[in-house]
């Protein structure tokens, strides 16, 4: 039976591969089913599985279906590895001169690359935003812009607390109290100095 993707007369196996691209509120799903030769099975498996692995998780439904799609693709590919490879001579005779393998996968490569870049940037941005210590070490100016305003979440609070203790340490006097009331009293006693250091830090950051 000829391969239903490339049309070459070679040993084939029935496979089903699925692809999912999650887009928060919607998603794109693609599938390929049929009798495929071993090279086409490998190409379809890589295209559908890698796309799903990197772009399939972004959405509630996508988060549920993506693991099942990946598991299905992997299992079917592993079973197909026992197939015999088509002989090079047969492939050369069946393929038209100068022909290229037909494209595999749903959606353009350009769309996948652009969407994948956006997803990676958003994911890295969220990771950096919530990793205050790492960002303070490698990009303190960016960390200040992200967290120096009104405290709205845990990351902002962590940054403010870190800067507060940095300011206290800069005064050359560690907190001696072990309980909150004592620490609060010590901090309030240093309030004018802390404000002065904060203004200096702000001016250095803006500069």
C-alpha atoms as a PDB file:
ATOM      1  CA  UNK A   1       0.000   0.000   0.000  1.00  0.00           C
ATOM      2  CA  UNK A   2       1.433   3.416  -0.886  1.00  0.00           C
ATOM      3  CA  UNK A   3       2.092   5.914   1.891  1.00  0.00           C
ATOM      4  CA  UNK A   4      -0.844   8.324   2.157  1.00  0.00           C
ATOM      5  CA  UNK A   5       1.488  11.284   2.756  1.00  0.00           C
ATOM      6  CA  UNK A   6       4.296  10.895   0.215  1.00  0.00           C
ATOM      7  CA  UNK A   7       2.746   8.276  -2.109  1.00  0.00           C
ATOM      8  CA  UNK A   8       5.810   6.013  -2.144  1.00  0.00           C
ATOM      9  CA  UNK A   9       5.280   2.251  -2.389  1.00  0.00           C
ATOM     10  CA  UNK A  10       6.784   1.041   0.906  1.00  0.00           C
ATOM     11  CA  UNK A  11       5.846  -0.794   4.107  1.00  0.00           C
ATOM     12  CA  UNK A  12       3.239   1.284   5.919  1.00  0.00           C
ATOM     13  CA  UNK A  13       1.509   1.341   9.292  1.00  0.00           C
ATOM     14  CA  UNK A  14      -1.730   2.948  10.379  1.00  0.00           C
ATOM     15  CA  UNK A  15      -1.024   5.823  12.797  1.00  0.00           C
ATOM     16  CA  UNK A  16      -2.887   8.740  14.344  1.00  0.00           C
ATOM     17  CA  UNK A  17      -0.985  11.842  15.416  1.00  0.00           C
ATOM     18  CA  UNK A  18      -2.585  14.899  17.043  1.00  0.00           C
ATOM     19  CA  UNK A  19      -1.468  18.488  17.379  1.00  0.00           C
ATOM     20  CA  UNK A  20      -2.806  21.204  19.690  1.00  0.00           C
ATOM     21  CA  UNK A  21      -1.995  24.909  19.839  1.00  0.00           C
ATOM     22  CA  UNK A  22      -3.503  26.603  22.868  1.00  0.00           C
ATOM     23  CA  UNK A  23      -4.393  30.306  22.588  1.00  0.00           C
ATOM     24  CA  UNK A  24      -5.895  31.040  26.038  1.00  0.00           C
ATOM     25  CA  UNK A  25      -9.533  31.481  24.965  1.00  0.00           C
ATOM     26  CA  UNK A  26      -9.403  29.307  21.857  1.00  0.00           C
ATOM     27  CA  UNK A  27      -7.205  26.613  20.365  1.00  0.00           C
ATOM     28  CA  UNK A  28      -6.190  25.002  17.086  1.00  0.00           C
ATOM     29  CA  UNK A  29      -6.311  21.224  16.753  1.00  0.00           C
ATOM     30  CA  UNK A  30      -4.971  19.161  13.876  1.00  0.00           C
ATOM     31  CA  UNK A  31      -4.646  15.457  13.242  1.00  0.00           C
ATOM     32  CA  UNK A  32      -3.283  13.092  10.664  1.00  0.00           C
ATOM     33  CA  UNK A  33      -4.553   9.532  10.264  1.00  0.00           C
ATOM     34  CA  UNK A  34      -3.714   6.860   7.756  1.00  0.00           C
ATOM     35  CA  UNK A  35      -1.223   4.377   6.410  1.00  0.00           C
ATOM     36  CA  UNK A  36       2.185   6.039   6.497  1.00  0.00           C
ATOM     37  CA  UNK A  37       5.698   4.864   5.700  1.00  0.00           C
ATOM     38  CA  UNK A  38       8.369   5.031   8.373  1.00  0.00           C
ATOM     39  CA  UNK A  39      10.047   8.294   7.211  1.00  0.00           C
ATOM     40  CA  UNK A  40       6.689  10.082   7.068  1.00  0.00           C
ATOM     41  CA  UNK A  41       5.739   8.708  10.481  1.00  0.00           C
ATOM     42  CA  UNK A  42       8.936  10.219  11.874  1.00  0.00           C
ATOM     43  CA  UNK A  43       8.318  13.596  10.215  1.00  0.00           C
ATOM     44  CA  UNK A  44       4.693  13.754  11.342  1.00  0.00           C
ATOM     45  CA  UNK A  45       5.585  12.676  14.873  1.00  0.00           C
ATOM     46  CA  UNK A  46       8.253  15.373  15.238  1.00  0.00           C
ATOM     47  CA  UNK A  47       6.119  18.139  13.763  1.00  0.00           C
ATOM     48  CA  UNK A  48       2.909  17.401  15.671  1.00  0.00           C
ATOM     49  CA  UNK A  49       4.549  16.441  18.961  1.00  0.00           C
ATOM     50  CA  UNK A  50       7.048  19.309  19.220  1.00  0.00           C
ATOM     51  CA  UNK A  51       4.387  21.860  18.299  1.00  0.00           C
ATOM     52  CA  UNK A  52       2.068  20.448  20.973  1.00  0.00           C
ATOM     53  CA  UNK A  53       4.854  20.217  23.544  1.00  0.00           C
ATOM     54  CA  UNK A  54       5.787  23.899  23.295  1.00  0.00           C
ATOM     55  CA  UNK A  55       2.521  25.564  22.232  1.00  0.00           C
ATOM     56  CA  UNK A  56      -0.193  23.204  23.428  1.00  0.00           C
ATOM     57  CA  UNK A  57      -0.589  24.160  27.099  1.00  0.00           C
ATOM     58  CA  UNK A  58      -1.975  27.705  26.951  1.00  0.00           C
ATOM     59  CA  UNK A  59      -5.654  27.434  27.827  1.00  0.00           C
ATOM     60  CA  UNK A  60      -7.941  25.525  30.183  1.00  0.00           C
ATOM     61  CA  UNK A  61      -9.053  22.911  27.641  1.00  0.00           C
ATOM     62  CA  UNK A  62      -5.579  22.820  26.105  1.00  0.00           C
ATOM     63  CA  UNK A  63      -4.042  22.103  29.498  1.00  0.00           C
ATOM     64  CA  UNK A  64      -6.255  19.013  29.770  1.00  0.00           C
ATOM     65  CA  UNK A  65      -5.932  17.598  26.249  1.00  0.00           C
ATOM     66  CA  UNK A  66      -2.232  18.278  25.659  1.00  0.00           C
ATOM     67  CA  UNK A  67      -0.882  15.455  27.888  1.00  0.00           C
ATOM     68  CA  UNK A  68      -3.190  12.946  26.177  1.00  0.00           C
ATOM     69  CA  UNK A  69      -2.104  14.099  22.711  1.00  0.00           C
ATOM     70  CA  UNK A  70       1.565  13.832  23.654  1.00  0.00           C
ATOM     71  CA  UNK A  71       1.088  10.383  25.191  1.00  0.00           C
ATOM     72  CA  UNK A  72      -0.818   9.148  22.120  1.00  0.00           C
ATOM     73  CA  UNK A  73       1.849  10.433  19.727  1.00  0.00           C
ATOM     74  CA  UNK A  74       4.722   8.912  21.694  1.00  0.00           C
ATOM     75  CA  UNK A  75       3.095   5.491  22.068  1.00  0.00           C
ATOM     76  CA  UNK A  76       2.135   5.243  18.386  1.00  0.00           C
ATOM     77  CA  UNK A  77       5.600   6.339  17.312  1.00  0.00           C
ATOM     78  CA  UNK A  78       7.293   3.760  19.543  1.00  0.00           C
ATOM     79  CA  UNK A  79       5.164   0.975  18.051  1.00  0.00           C
ATOM     80  CA  UNK A  80       6.057   2.195  14.562  1.00  0.00           C
ATOM     81  CA  UNK A  81       9.801   1.913  15.219  1.00  0.00           C
ATOM     82  CA  UNK A  82       9.600  -1.829  14.550  1.00  0.00           C
ATOM     83  CA  UNK A  83       8.676  -1.163  10.922  1.00  0.00           C
ATOM     84  CA  UNK A  84      11.130  -1.896   8.175  1.00  0.00           C
ATOM     85  CA  UNK A  85      12.695   1.092   6.500  1.00  0.00           C
ATOM     86  CA  UNK A  86      11.905   1.504   2.784  1.00  0.00           C
ATOM     87  CA  UNK A  87      14.775   0.549   0.550  1.00  0.00           C
ATOM     88  CA  UNK A  88      16.573   3.592  -0.904  1.00  0.00           C
ATOM     89  CA  UNK A  89      16.263   2.184  -4.425  1.00  0.00           C
ATOM     90  CA  UNK A  90      12.466   1.931  -4.155  1.00  0.00           C
ATOM     91  CA  UNK A  91      12.196   5.455  -2.774  1.00  0.00           C
ATOM     92  CA  UNK A  92      14.319   6.827  -5.601  1.00  0.00           C
ATOM     93  CA  UNK A  93      12.207   5.079  -8.265  1.00  0.00           C
ATOM     94  CA  UNK A  94       8.875   6.161  -6.787  1.00  0.00           C
ATOM     95  CA  UNK A  95       9.773   9.783  -6.079  1.00  0.00           C
ATOM     96  CA  UNK A  96       9.586  12.250  -8.979  1.00  0.00           C
ATOM     97  CA  UNK A  97      12.905  13.799 -10.005  1.00  0.00           C
ATOM     98  CA  UNK A  98      13.632  16.935  -8.000  1.00  0.00           C
ATOM     99  CA  UNK A  99      10.618  16.463  -5.734  1.00  0.00           C
ATOM    100  CA  UNK A 100      10.590  17.473  -2.075  1.00  0.00           C
ATOM    101  CA  UNK A 101       8.704  15.725   0.751  1.00  0.00           C
ATOM    102  CA  UNK A 102       5.245  17.238   1.195  1.00  0.00           C
ATOM    103  CA  UNK A 103       4.805  19.643   4.129  1.00  0.00           C
ATOM    104  CA  UNK A 104       3.685  18.141   7.404  1.00  0.00           C
ATOM    105  CA  UNK A 105       1.611  19.753  10.142  1.00  0.00           C
ATOM    106  CA  UNK A 106      -1.215  22.223  10.401  1.00  0.00           C
ATOM    107  CA  UNK A 107      -0.613  25.955  10.423  1.00  0.00           C
ATOM    108  CA  UNK A 108       2.244  27.825   8.830  1.00  0.00           C
ATOM    109  CA  UNK A 109       5.747  27.646  10.218  1.00  0.00           C
ATOM    110  CA  UNK A 110       5.806  31.449  10.394  1.00  0.00           C
ATOM    111  CA  UNK A 111       2.745  31.483  12.660  1.00  0.00           C
ATOM    112  CA  UNK A 112       4.248  28.818  14.921  1.00  0.00           C
ATOM    113  CA  UNK A 113       7.527  30.711  15.225  1.00  0.00           C
ATOM    114  CA  UNK A 114       5.874  34.068  15.960  1.00  0.00           C
ATOM    115  CA  UNK A 115       3.384  32.596  18.412  1.00  0.00           C
ATOM    116  CA  UNK A 116       6.090  30.481  20.059  1.00  0.00           C
ATOM    117  CA  UNK A 117       8.303  33.556  20.505  1.00  0.00           C
ATOM    118  CA  UNK A 118       5.449  35.491  22.107  1.00  0.00           C
ATOM    119  CA  UNK A 119       4.644  32.609  24.457  1.00  0.00           C
ATOM    120  CA  UNK A 120       8.300  32.231  25.494  1.00  0.00           C
ATOM    121  CA  UNK A 121       8.655  35.985  26.121  1.00  0.00           C
ATOM    122  CA  UNK A 122       5.519  36.066  28.260  1.00  0.00           C
ATOM    123  CA  UNK A 123       6.589  32.984  30.214  1.00  0.00           C
ATOM    124  CA  UNK A 124      10.107  34.338  30.800  1.00  0.00           C
ATOM    125  CA  UNK A 125       8.691  37.732  31.786  1.00  0.00           C
ATOM    126  CA  UNK A 126       6.345  36.167  34.333  1.00  0.00           C
ATOM    127  CA  UNK A 127       9.178  34.018  35.694  1.00  0.00           C
ATOM    128  CA  UNK A 128      11.495  37.013  36.003  1.00  0.00           C
ATOM    129  CA  UNK A 129       8.782  39.151  37.630  1.00  0.00           C
ATOM    130  CA  UNK A 130       8.267  36.614  40.405  1.00  0.00           C
ATOM    131  CA  UNK A 131      11.973  35.815  40.856  1.00  0.00           C
ATOM    132  CA  UNK A 132      12.908  39.021  42.668  1.00  0.00           C
ATOM    133  CA  UNK A 133      16.329  37.892  43.924  1.00  0.00           C
ATOM    134  CA  UNK A 134      17.500  36.728  40.479  1.00  0.00           C
ATOM    135  CA  UNK A 135      16.300  39.917  38.783  1.00  0.00           C
ATOM    136  CA  UNK A 136      17.853  42.113  41.476  1.00  0.00           C
ATOM    137  CA  UNK A 137      21.202  40.423  40.904  1.00  0.00           C
ATOM    138  CA  UNK A 138      21.245  40.616  37.100  1.00  0.00           C
ATOM    139  CA  UNK A 139      18.938  43.557  36.261  1.00  0.00           C
ATOM    140  CA  UNK A 140      18.387  45.804  39.303  1.00  0.00           C
ATOM    141  CA  UNK A 141      17.146  48.753  37.245  1.00  0.00           C
ATOM    142  CA  UNK A 142      14.446  46.600  35.627  1.00  0.00           C
ATOM    143  CA  UNK A 143      13.590  45.108  39.022  1.00  0.00           C
ATOM    144  CA  UNK A 144      13.080  48.602  40.431  1.00  0.00           C
ATOM    145  CA  UNK A 145      10.764  49.580  37.571  1.00  0.00           C
ATOM    146  CA  UNK A 146       8.685  46.417  37.998  1.00  0.00           C
ATOM    147  CA  UNK A 147       8.298  46.501  41.780  1.00  0.00           C
ATOM    148  CA  UNK A 148       9.017  49.971  43.144  1.00  0.00           C
ATOM    149  CA  UNK A 149       5.437  51.214  42.888  1.00  0.00           C
ATOM    150  CA  UNK A 150       2.401  50.330  44.973  1.00  0.00           C
ATOM    151  CA  UNK A 151       2.495  46.847  46.498  1.00  0.00           C
ATOM    152  CA  UNK A 152      -0.071  44.735  44.671  1.00  0.00           C
ATOM    153  CA  UNK A 153       1.221  41.184  45.007  1.00  0.00           C
ATOM    154  CA  UNK A 154       3.712  38.963  46.795  1.00  0.00           C
ATOM    155  CA  UNK A 155       6.564  39.802  44.420  1.00  0.00           C
ATOM    156  CA  UNK A 156       6.173  43.536  45.104  1.00  0.00           C
ATOM    157  CA  UNK A 157       6.105  42.877  48.842  1.00  0.00           C
ATOM    158  CA  UNK A 158       9.231  40.697  48.623  1.00  0.00           C
ATOM    159  CA  UNK A 159      11.065  43.415  46.716  1.00  0.00           C
ATOM    160  CA  UNK A 160      10.021  46.141  49.169  1.00  0.00           C
ATOM    161  CA  UNK A 161      11.067  44.038  52.164  1.00  0.00           C
ATOM    162  CA  UNK A 162      14.404  43.226  50.525  1.00  0.00           C
ATOM    163  CA  UNK A 163      15.110  46.902  49.820  1.00  0.00           C
ATOM    164  CA  UNK A 164      14.054  47.829  53.340  1.00  0.00           C
ATOM    165  CA  UNK A 165      16.583  45.480  54.914  1.00  0.00           C
ATOM    166  CA  UNK A 166      19.208  46.620  52.410  1.00  0.00           C
ATOM    167  CA  UNK A 167      18.619  50.173  53.583  1.00  0.00           C
ATOM    168  CA  UNK A 168      18.897  49.173  57.225  1.00  0.00           C
ATOM    169  CA  UNK A 169      22.124  47.302  56.508  1.00  0.00           C
ATOM    170  CA  UNK A 170      23.448  50.372  54.704  1.00  0.00           C
ATOM    171  CA  UNK A 171      23.017  52.363  57.910  1.00  0.00           C
ATOM    172  CA  UNK A 172      25.561  50.045  59.488  1.00  0.00           C
ATOM    173  CA  UNK A 173      23.227  48.844  62.217  1.00  0.00           C
ATOM    174  CA  UNK A 174      21.540  45.443  62.168  1.00  0.00           C
ATOM    175  CA  UNK A 175      18.208  44.961  63.844  1.00  0.00           C
ATOM    176  CA  UNK A 176      18.741  43.784  67.409  1.00  0.00           C
ATOM    177  CA  UNK A 177      15.158  42.897  68.255  1.00  0.00           C
ATOM    178  CA  UNK A 178      13.836  39.408  67.589  1.00  0.00           C
ATOM    179  CA  UNK A 179      10.106  40.158  67.804  1.00  0.00           C
ATOM    180  CA  UNK A 180       8.016  42.264  65.462  1.00  0.00           C
ATOM    181  CA  UNK A 181       7.211  45.050  67.937  1.00  0.00           C
ATOM    182  CA  UNK A 182      10.875  45.613  68.671  1.00  0.00           C
ATOM    183  CA  UNK A 183      11.829  45.464  64.992  1.00  0.00           C
ATOM    184  CA  UNK A 184       9.071  47.922  64.146  1.00  0.00           C
ATOM    185  CA  UNK A 185      10.262  50.357  66.807  1.00  0.00           C
ATOM    186  CA  UNK A 186      13.837  50.165  65.530  1.00  0.00           C
ATOM    187  CA  UNK A 187      12.713  50.707  61.947  1.00  0.00           C
ATOM    188  CA  UNK A 188      10.553  53.689  62.892  1.00  0.00           C
ATOM    189  CA  UNK A 189      13.464  55.218  64.753  1.00  0.00           C
ATOM    190  CA  UNK A 190      15.454  55.063  61.513  1.00  0.00           C
ATOM    191  CA  UNK A 191      12.602  56.426  59.402  1.00  0.00           C
ATOM    192  CA  UNK A 192      14.251  59.746  58.439  1.00  0.00           C
ATOM    193  CA  UNK A 193      17.450  57.964  57.408  1.00  0.00           C
ATOM    194  CA  UNK A 194      15.541  55.348  55.439  1.00  0.00           C
ATOM    195  CA  UNK A 195      13.642  57.999  53.511  1.00  0.00           C
ATOM    196  CA  UNK A 196      16.914  59.722  52.670  1.00  0.00           C
ATOM    197  CA  UNK A 197      18.420  56.487  51.379  1.00  0.00           C
ATOM    198  CA  UNK A 198      15.270  55.733  49.373  1.00  0.00           C
ATOM    199  CA  UNK A 199      15.453  59.157  47.699  1.00  0.00           C
ATOM    200  CA  UNK A 200      19.105  58.571  46.879  1.00  0.00           C
ATOM    201  CA  UNK A 201      18.312  55.118  45.427  1.00  0.00           C
ATOM    202  CA  UNK A 202      15.483  56.587  43.337  1.00  0.00           C
ATOM    203  CA  UNK A 203      17.716  59.317  41.947  1.00  0.00           C
ATOM    204  CA  UNK A 204      20.430  56.772  41.076  1.00  0.00           C
ATOM    205  CA  UNK A 205      17.865  54.511  39.377  1.00  0.00           C
ATOM    206  CA  UNK A 206      16.403  57.379  37.314  1.00  0.00           C
ATOM    207  CA  UNK A 207      19.873  58.516  36.352  1.00  0.00           C
END
